[in-house]
Amino acid sequence: MYQVVILDSIGGRGPVLRETLKDRIQELNLNPDTEFEFLDETQLDLLRLHAALAAKFAALTTEAALALLREAGVPIAAVAALPSVVRDPLVAERLVHVRDARSGLTLALPAPPTGEPPRLSFPPRLGEHNETVYGALGYAPAQVADLRRRGVV
């Protein structure tokens, strides 16, 4: 027997939620030999319930599990992976694309909530301004080249 607990403290709707969940779990028809006892928050057996649900859903694809739960009236949605999120037409049209002229890399970034996106550029590469900085410190270009050759900078 599996014990299901719905906390009465959930907005005072514990008893209503308990009856709704009872109906939905029975609709799932997990196993004809499985019995569920619906308890109040003082009687817990969540680990066994979790194990039963995990065993049931382990053999299902995400799509099948979502369909099964939706049919049972459970409000549920898959968590989308980043590549599918940025391909979504509602998201894709709002992205700001920045291309690095040196590497050809293009980044897609979320646009600011208001106004036009600012002009974006890539930061300097490691050591990109060494000649300028060391030159300002009095180093000749040949000395900076020697430091680079020796792995100092």
C-alpha atoms as a PDB file:
ATOM      1  CA  MET A   1       0.000   0.000   0.000  1.00  0.00           C
ATOM      2  CA  TYR A   2       1.225   3.501  -0.850  1.00  0.00           C
ATOM      3  CA  GLN A   3       0.301   6.461   1.224  1.00  0.00           C
ATOM      4  CA  VAL A   4      -0.278   9.821  -0.452  1.00  0.00           C
ATOM      5  CA  VAL A   5      -0.030  12.988   1.589  1.00  0.00           C
ATOM      6  CA  ILE A   6      -1.412  16.369   0.604  1.00  0.00           C
ATOM      7  CA  LEU A   7      -0.649  19.049   3.154  1.00  0.00           C
ATOM      8  CA  ASP A   8      -3.743  20.730   4.557  1.00  0.00           C
ATOM      9  CA  SER A   9      -1.650  23.856   4.898  1.00  0.00           C
ATOM     10  CA  ILE A  10      -1.592  24.423   1.111  1.00  0.00           C
ATOM     11  CA  GLY A  11      -3.821  27.466   1.043  1.00  0.00           C
ATOM     12  CA  GLY A  12      -6.524  25.619   2.962  1.00  0.00           C
ATOM     13  CA  ARG A  13      -7.144  23.451  -0.115  1.00  0.00           C
ATOM     14  CA  GLY A  14      -5.582  20.247   1.206  1.00  0.00           C
ATOM     15  CA  PRO A  15      -8.825  18.225   1.355  1.00  0.00           C
ATOM     16  CA  VAL A  16      -9.871  19.296  -2.164  1.00  0.00           C
ATOM     17  CA  LEU A  17      -6.437  18.576  -3.584  1.00  0.00           C
ATOM     18  CA  ARG A  18      -6.339  15.221  -1.819  1.00  0.00           C
ATOM     19  CA  GLU A  19      -9.616  14.140  -3.456  1.00  0.00           C
ATOM     20  CA  THR A  20      -8.510  15.425  -6.888  1.00  0.00           C
ATOM     21  CA  LEU A  21      -5.192  13.610  -6.662  1.00  0.00           C
ATOM     22  CA  LYS A  22      -6.957  10.462  -5.502  1.00  0.00           C
ATOM     23  CA  ASP A  23      -9.107  10.534  -8.631  1.00  0.00           C
ATOM     24  CA  ARG A  24      -6.131  11.229 -10.889  1.00  0.00           C
ATOM     25  CA  ILE A  25      -3.943   8.469  -9.445  1.00  0.00           C
ATOM     26  CA  GLN A  26      -6.763   5.990  -9.879  1.00  0.00           C
ATOM     27  CA  GLU A  27      -7.079   7.118 -13.517  1.00  0.00           C
ATOM     28  CA  LEU A  28      -3.362   6.399 -14.056  1.00  0.00           C
ATOM     29  CA  ASN A  29      -4.046   2.725 -13.255  1.00  0.00           C
ATOM     30  CA  LEU A  30      -0.482   2.230 -12.059  1.00  0.00           C
ATOM     31  CA  ASN A  31      -0.909  -1.397 -11.073  1.00  0.00           C
ATOM     32  CA  PRO A  32      -4.101  -3.292 -10.269  1.00  0.00           C
ATOM     33  CA  ASP A  33      -2.479  -4.639  -7.081  1.00  0.00           C
ATOM     34  CA  THR A  34      -1.346  -1.197  -5.914  1.00  0.00           C
ATOM     35  CA  GLU A  35      -3.471   0.498  -3.306  1.00  0.00           C
ATOM     36  CA  PHE A  36      -3.148   4.111  -2.296  1.00  0.00           C
ATOM     37  CA  GLU A  37      -4.220   5.436   1.054  1.00  0.00           C
ATOM     38  CA  PHE A  38      -4.784   9.183   1.125  1.00  0.00           C
ATOM     39  CA  LEU A  39      -3.573  10.616   4.381  1.00  0.00           C
ATOM     40  CA  ASP A  40      -3.277  13.932   6.094  1.00  0.00           C
ATOM     41  CA  GLU A  41       0.079  15.586   6.655  1.00  0.00           C
ATOM     42  CA  THR A  42       0.736  13.726   9.898  1.00  0.00           C
ATOM     43  CA  GLN A  43       1.081  10.347   8.140  1.00  0.00           C
ATOM     44  CA  LEU A  44       3.895  10.234   5.597  1.00  0.00           C
ATOM     45  CA  ASP A  45       5.014   7.544   3.179  1.00  0.00           C
ATOM     46  CA  LEU A  46       6.367   9.691   0.382  1.00  0.00           C
ATOM     47  CA  LEU A  47       9.402   7.537  -0.372  1.00  0.00           C
ATOM     48  CA  ARG A  48       7.303   4.541  -1.387  1.00  0.00           C
ATOM     49  CA  LEU A  49       5.056   6.714  -3.540  1.00  0.00           C
ATOM     50  CA  HIS A  50       8.102   8.238  -5.203  1.00  0.00           C
ATOM     51  CA  ALA A  51       9.507   4.771  -5.907  1.00  0.00           C
ATOM     52  CA  ALA A  52       6.220   3.587  -7.426  1.00  0.00           C
ATOM     53  CA  LEU A  53       5.940   6.620  -9.679  1.00  0.00           C
ATOM     54  CA  ALA A  54       9.610   6.421 -10.655  1.00  0.00           C
ATOM     55  CA  ALA A  55       9.195   2.771 -11.655  1.00  0.00           C
ATOM     56  CA  LYS A  56       6.105   3.599 -13.721  1.00  0.00           C
ATOM     57  CA  PHE A  57       7.661   6.542 -15.535  1.00  0.00           C
ATOM     58  CA  ALA A  58      11.152   5.090 -16.018  1.00  0.00           C
ATOM     59  CA  ALA A  59       9.973   3.053 -18.990  1.00  0.00           C
ATOM     60  CA  LEU A  60       8.184   5.969 -20.671  1.00  0.00           C
ATOM     61  CA  THR A  61       9.511   8.580 -23.053  1.00  0.00           C
ATOM     62  CA  THR A  62       9.135  12.186 -21.979  1.00  0.00           C
ATOM     63  CA  GLU A  63       6.332  12.659 -24.482  1.00  0.00           C
ATOM     64  CA  ALA A  64       4.465   9.569 -23.256  1.00  0.00           C
ATOM     65  CA  ALA A  65       4.838  10.591 -19.610  1.00  0.00           C
ATOM     66  CA  LEU A  66       3.619  14.115 -20.341  1.00  0.00           C
ATOM     67  CA  ALA A  67       0.639  12.780 -22.286  1.00  0.00           C
ATOM     68  CA  LEU A  68      -0.260  10.341 -19.505  1.00  0.00           C
ATOM     69  CA  LEU A  69      -0.112  13.021 -16.831  1.00  0.00           C
ATOM     70  CA  ARG A  70      -2.031  15.557 -18.929  1.00  0.00           C
ATOM     71  CA  GLU A  71      -4.765  12.987 -19.573  1.00  0.00           C
ATOM     72  CA  ALA A  72      -4.996  12.561 -15.817  1.00  0.00           C
ATOM     73  CA  GLY A  73      -5.415  16.319 -15.365  1.00  0.00           C
ATOM     74  CA  VAL A  74      -1.975  16.995 -13.917  1.00  0.00           C
ATOM     75  CA  PRO A  75      -0.682  20.452 -14.913  1.00  0.00           C
ATOM     76  CA  ILE A  76       2.773  19.631 -16.275  1.00  0.00           C
ATOM     77  CA  ALA A  77       5.250  20.769 -18.911  1.00  0.00           C
ATOM     78  CA  ALA A  78       8.663  19.652 -20.090  1.00  0.00           C
ATOM     79  CA  VAL A  79      11.688  21.794 -19.325  1.00  0.00           C
ATOM     80  CA  ALA A  80      13.091  22.845 -22.674  1.00  0.00           C
ATOM     81  CA  ALA A  81      16.788  22.589 -23.493  1.00  0.00           C
ATOM     82  CA  LEU A  82      18.514  25.814 -24.498  1.00  0.00           C
ATOM     83  CA  PRO A  83      18.852  24.997 -28.230  1.00  0.00           C
ATOM     84  CA  SER A  84      15.106  24.434 -28.559  1.00  0.00           C
ATOM     85  CA  VAL A  85      14.379  27.595 -26.583  1.00  0.00           C
ATOM     86  CA  VAL A  86      16.404  29.814 -28.922  1.00  0.00           C
ATOM     87  CA  ARG A  87      14.730  28.196 -31.965  1.00  0.00           C
ATOM     88  CA  ASP A  88      11.260  28.963 -30.603  1.00  0.00           C
ATOM     89  CA  PRO A  89       9.757  31.674 -32.855  1.00  0.00           C
ATOM     90  CA  LEU A  90       8.556  33.705 -29.866  1.00  0.00           C
ATOM     91  CA  VAL A  91      12.093  33.786 -28.453  1.00  0.00           C
ATOM     92  CA  ALA A  92      14.146  33.854 -31.666  1.00  0.00           C
ATOM     93  CA  GLU A  93      12.661  37.117 -32.938  1.00  0.00           C
ATOM     94  CA  ARG A  94      13.607  38.882 -29.690  1.00  0.00           C
ATOM     95  CA  LEU A  95      17.267  37.837 -29.569  1.00  0.00           C
ATOM     96  CA  VAL A  96      20.139  40.207 -30.292  1.00  0.00           C
ATOM     97  CA  HIS A  97      22.841  38.622 -32.464  1.00  0.00           C
ATOM     98  CA  VAL A  98      26.461  39.714 -32.078  1.00  0.00           C
ATOM     99  CA  ARG A  99      29.144  38.488 -34.484  1.00  0.00           C
ATOM    100  CA  ASP A 100      32.848  38.530 -33.718  1.00  0.00           C
ATOM    101  CA  ALA A 101      34.657  39.661 -36.867  1.00  0.00           C
ATOM    102  CA  ARG A 102      37.869  37.847 -35.913  1.00  0.00           C
ATOM    103  CA  SER A 103      36.578  34.387 -35.064  1.00  0.00           C
ATOM    104  CA  GLY A 104      33.259  34.439 -36.906  1.00  0.00           C
ATOM    105  CA  LEU A 105      31.510  33.370 -33.697  1.00  0.00           C
ATOM    106  CA  THR A 106      27.944  34.619 -33.390  1.00  0.00           C
ATOM    107  CA  LEU A 107      26.240  34.902 -30.017  1.00  0.00           C
ATOM    108  CA  ALA A 108      22.509  35.237 -29.439  1.00  0.00           C
ATOM    109  CA  LEU A 109      21.683  37.283 -26.363  1.00  0.00           C
ATOM    110  CA  PRO A 110      18.370  38.327 -24.835  1.00  0.00           C
ATOM    111  CA  ALA A 111      17.338  41.840 -25.773  1.00  0.00           C
ATOM    112  CA  PRO A 112      16.926  44.456 -23.058  1.00  0.00           C
ATOM    113  CA  PRO A 113      13.373  44.692 -21.676  1.00  0.00           C
ATOM    114  CA  THR A 114      12.877  48.198 -23.075  1.00  0.00           C
ATOM    115  CA  GLY A 115      14.362  50.271 -25.851  1.00  0.00           C
ATOM    116  CA  GLU A 116      16.814  49.362 -28.548  1.00  0.00           C
ATOM    117  CA  PRO A 117      19.670  47.024 -27.731  1.00  0.00           C
ATOM    118  CA  PRO A 118      23.022  48.736 -27.349  1.00  0.00           C
ATOM    119  CA  ARG A 119      25.783  48.124 -29.873  1.00  0.00           C
ATOM    120  CA  LEU A 120      27.683  45.131 -28.576  1.00  0.00           C
ATOM    121  CA  SER A 121      31.233  44.107 -29.322  1.00  0.00           C
ATOM    122  CA  PHE A 122      33.582  41.404 -28.149  1.00  0.00           C
ATOM    123  CA  PRO A 123      36.112  42.182 -25.423  1.00  0.00           C
ATOM    124  CA  PRO A 124      39.820  42.382 -26.261  1.00  0.00           C
ATOM    125  CA  ARG A 125      41.677  39.087 -26.589  1.00  0.00           C
ATOM    126  CA  LEU A 126      44.262  38.082 -24.057  1.00  0.00           C
ATOM    127  CA  GLY A 127      47.384  40.090 -24.835  1.00  0.00           C
ATOM    128  CA  GLU A 128      45.744  42.037 -27.668  1.00  0.00           C
ATOM    129  CA  HIS A 129      46.934  45.393 -26.290  1.00  0.00           C
ATOM    130  CA  ASN A 130      50.304  44.278 -24.897  1.00  0.00           C
ATOM    131  CA  GLU A 131      52.332  46.373 -27.349  1.00  0.00           C
ATOM    132  CA  THR A 132      50.348  49.499 -26.476  1.00  0.00           C
ATOM    133  CA  VAL A 133      50.477  48.959 -22.712  1.00  0.00           C
ATOM    134  CA  TYR A 134      54.138  47.883 -22.552  1.00  0.00           C
ATOM    135  CA  GLY A 135      55.044  50.593 -25.050  1.00  0.00           C
ATOM    136  CA  ALA A 136      53.507  53.173 -22.706  1.00  0.00           C
ATOM    137  CA  LEU A 137      55.738  51.716 -19.977  1.00  0.00           C
ATOM    138  CA  GLY A 138      58.816  52.291 -22.145  1.00  0.00           C
ATOM    139  CA  TYR A 139      59.303  48.837 -23.709  1.00  0.00           C
ATOM    140  CA  ALA A 140      60.328  48.734 -27.369  1.00  0.00           C
ATOM    141  CA  PRO A 141      58.333  46.476 -29.765  1.00  0.00           C
ATOM    142  CA  ALA A 142      61.320  44.091 -29.953  1.00  0.00           C
ATOM    143  CA  GLN A 143      61.372  43.777 -26.155  1.00  0.00           C
ATOM    144  CA  VAL A 144      57.617  42.995 -26.044  1.00  0.00           C
ATOM    145  CA  ALA A 145      58.138  40.405 -28.797  1.00  0.00           C
ATOM    146  CA  ASP A 146      60.930  38.829 -26.729  1.00  0.00           C
ATOM    147  CA  LEU A 147      58.659  38.696 -23.650  1.00  0.00           C
ATOM    148  CA  ARG A 148      55.950  37.028 -25.735  1.00  0.00           C
ATOM    149  CA  ARG A 149      58.464  34.514 -27.220  1.00  0.00           C
ATOM    150  CA  ARG A 150      59.639  33.537 -23.720  1.00  0.00           C
ATOM    151  CA  GLY A 151      56.033  33.124 -22.513  1.00  0.00           C
ATOM    152  CA  VAL A 152      56.212  35.991 -20.051  1.00  0.00           C
ATOM    153  CA  VAL A 153      53.267  37.825 -21.616  1.00  0.00           C
END
